[in-house]
């Protein structure tokens, strides 16, 4: 098995979770936060490091509460995928 990236890294040790668990899990990674906010992942990581976003460093990435992202105003409209 390869390495697990993004929010799924938190589920690597929890095999009974449903496949759509990331939709209800209370944290997101910088990539998902950037998509929602309309900024780059680098901007999200910088804001986490500066304390502008409430987040916790987990390994080499950030775990950002979904609630924190939902309270932010997107910078630009993001096209639906």
C-alpha atoms as a PDB file:
ATOM      1  CA  UNK A   1       0.000   0.000   0.000  1.00  0.00           C
ATOM      2  CA  UNK A   2       1.313   3.476  -0.922  1.00  0.00           C
ATOM      3  CA  UNK A   3       1.302   6.533   1.242  1.00  0.00           C
ATOM      4  CA  UNK A   4      -2.029   8.132   2.028  1.00  0.00           C
ATOM      5  CA  UNK A   5      -2.248  11.863   1.380  1.00  0.00           C
ATOM      6  CA  UNK A   6      -4.706  14.621   2.168  1.00  0.00           C
ATOM      7  CA  UNK A   7      -7.388  14.239   4.827  1.00  0.00           C
ATOM      8  CA  UNK A   8      -7.376  10.470   4.366  1.00  0.00           C
ATOM      9  CA  UNK A   9      -4.034  10.152   6.182  1.00  0.00           C
ATOM     10  CA  UNK A  10      -6.033  10.489   9.396  1.00  0.00           C
ATOM     11  CA  UNK A  11      -8.020   7.366   8.507  1.00  0.00           C
ATOM     12  CA  UNK A  12      -5.079   5.096   7.717  1.00  0.00           C
ATOM     13  CA  UNK A  13      -5.467   3.217  11.022  1.00  0.00           C
ATOM     14  CA  UNK A  14      -9.302   3.172  11.040  1.00  0.00           C
ATOM     15  CA  UNK A  15     -10.495   0.473   8.599  1.00  0.00           C
ATOM     16  CA  UNK A  16     -14.237   0.472   9.475  1.00  0.00           C
ATOM     17  CA  UNK A  17     -14.909   4.039   8.309  1.00  0.00           C
ATOM     18  CA  UNK A  18     -17.076   4.500   5.210  1.00  0.00           C
ATOM     19  CA  UNK A  19     -15.435   5.604   1.965  1.00  0.00           C
ATOM     20  CA  UNK A  20     -17.140   9.018   2.145  1.00  0.00           C
ATOM     21  CA  UNK A  21     -15.850   9.702   5.675  1.00  0.00           C
ATOM     22  CA  UNK A  22     -13.947  12.806   4.539  1.00  0.00           C
ATOM     23  CA  UNK A  23     -17.271  14.512   3.815  1.00  0.00           C
ATOM     24  CA  UNK A  24     -18.249  14.367   7.478  1.00  0.00           C
ATOM     25  CA  UNK A  25     -14.832  14.382   9.142  1.00  0.00           C
ATOM     26  CA  UNK A  26     -14.290  17.594  11.098  1.00  0.00           C
ATOM     27  CA  UNK A  27     -10.874  18.529   9.618  1.00  0.00           C
ATOM     28  CA  UNK A  28      -9.518  19.210   6.137  1.00  0.00           C
ATOM     29  CA  UNK A  29      -6.006  19.450   4.742  1.00  0.00           C
ATOM     30  CA  UNK A  30      -4.518  22.626   3.203  1.00  0.00           C
ATOM     31  CA  UNK A  31      -5.369  21.487  -0.329  1.00  0.00           C
ATOM     32  CA  UNK A  32      -9.087  21.116   0.425  1.00  0.00           C
ATOM     33  CA  UNK A  33      -9.138  24.339   2.462  1.00  0.00           C
ATOM     34  CA  UNK A  34      -7.506  26.181  -0.457  1.00  0.00           C
ATOM     35  CA  UNK A  35     -10.101  24.827  -2.883  1.00  0.00           C
ATOM     36  CA  UNK A  36     -12.955  26.019  -0.659  1.00  0.00           C
ATOM     37  CA  UNK A  37     -11.384  29.414   0.052  1.00  0.00           C
ATOM     38  CA  UNK A  38     -10.241  30.102  -3.520  1.00  0.00           C
ATOM     39  CA  UNK A  39      -6.591  30.543  -2.552  1.00  0.00           C
ATOM     40  CA  UNK A  40      -3.475  28.432  -2.993  1.00  0.00           C
ATOM     41  CA  UNK A  41      -2.492  25.638  -0.576  1.00  0.00           C
ATOM     42  CA  UNK A  42       0.658  27.659   0.138  1.00  0.00           C
ATOM     43  CA  UNK A  43      -1.492  30.576   1.335  1.00  0.00           C
ATOM     44  CA  UNK A  44      -3.456  28.237   3.606  1.00  0.00           C
ATOM     45  CA  UNK A  45      -0.247  26.755   5.067  1.00  0.00           C
ATOM     46  CA  UNK A  46       1.127  30.260   5.662  1.00  0.00           C
ATOM     47  CA  UNK A  47      -2.089  31.332   7.407  1.00  0.00           C
ATOM     48  CA  UNK A  48      -1.948  28.212   9.588  1.00  0.00           C
ATOM     49  CA  UNK A  49       1.660  28.887  10.524  1.00  0.00           C
ATOM     50  CA  UNK A  50       0.905  32.559  11.317  1.00  0.00           C
ATOM     51  CA  UNK A  51      -2.124  31.620  13.426  1.00  0.00           C
ATOM     52  CA  UNK A  52      -4.627  33.289  11.086  1.00  0.00           C
ATOM     53  CA  UNK A  53      -6.419  29.932  10.754  1.00  0.00           C
ATOM     54  CA  UNK A  54      -6.946  27.677  13.735  1.00  0.00           C
ATOM     55  CA  UNK A  55      -5.108  24.498  12.786  1.00  0.00           C
ATOM     56  CA  UNK A  56      -2.912  21.805  14.221  1.00  0.00           C
ATOM     57  CA  UNK A  57       0.292  20.505  12.671  1.00  0.00           C
ATOM     58  CA  UNK A  58       0.036  16.747  12.104  1.00  0.00           C
ATOM     59  CA  UNK A  59       3.244  15.264  10.780  1.00  0.00           C
ATOM     60  CA  UNK A  60       4.234  17.366   7.798  1.00  0.00           C
ATOM     61  CA  UNK A  61       0.795  18.820   7.066  1.00  0.00           C
ATOM     62  CA  UNK A  62      -1.935  20.801   8.800  1.00  0.00           C
ATOM     63  CA  UNK A  63      -5.305  19.592  10.116  1.00  0.00           C
ATOM     64  CA  UNK A  64      -7.732  22.490   9.773  1.00  0.00           C
ATOM     65  CA  UNK A  65     -11.174  22.291  11.395  1.00  0.00           C
ATOM     66  CA  UNK A  66     -13.872  22.292   8.704  1.00  0.00           C
ATOM     67  CA  UNK A  67     -15.768  24.786  10.879  1.00  0.00           C
ATOM     68  CA  UNK A  68     -12.816  27.206  10.621  1.00  0.00           C
ATOM     69  CA  UNK A  69     -12.982  27.066   6.815  1.00  0.00           C
ATOM     70  CA  UNK A  70     -16.769  27.437   6.744  1.00  0.00           C
ATOM     71  CA  UNK A  71     -16.447  30.656   8.794  1.00  0.00           C
ATOM     72  CA  UNK A  72     -14.031  32.198   6.274  1.00  0.00           C
ATOM     73  CA  UNK A  73     -15.152  34.173   3.234  1.00  0.00           C
ATOM     74  CA  UNK A  74     -13.904  32.725  -0.069  1.00  0.00           C
ATOM     75  CA  UNK A  75     -11.556  35.044  -1.982  1.00  0.00           C
ATOM     76  CA  UNK A  76     -12.989  34.102  -5.378  1.00  0.00           C
ATOM     77  CA  UNK A  77     -15.627  31.844  -6.845  1.00  0.00           C
ATOM     78  CA  UNK A  78     -14.401  28.311  -7.426  1.00  0.00           C
ATOM     79  CA  UNK A  79     -15.725  26.501 -10.500  1.00  0.00           C
ATOM     80  CA  UNK A  80     -17.525  23.240  -9.796  1.00  0.00           C
ATOM     81  CA  UNK A  81     -15.446  20.194 -10.636  1.00  0.00           C
END
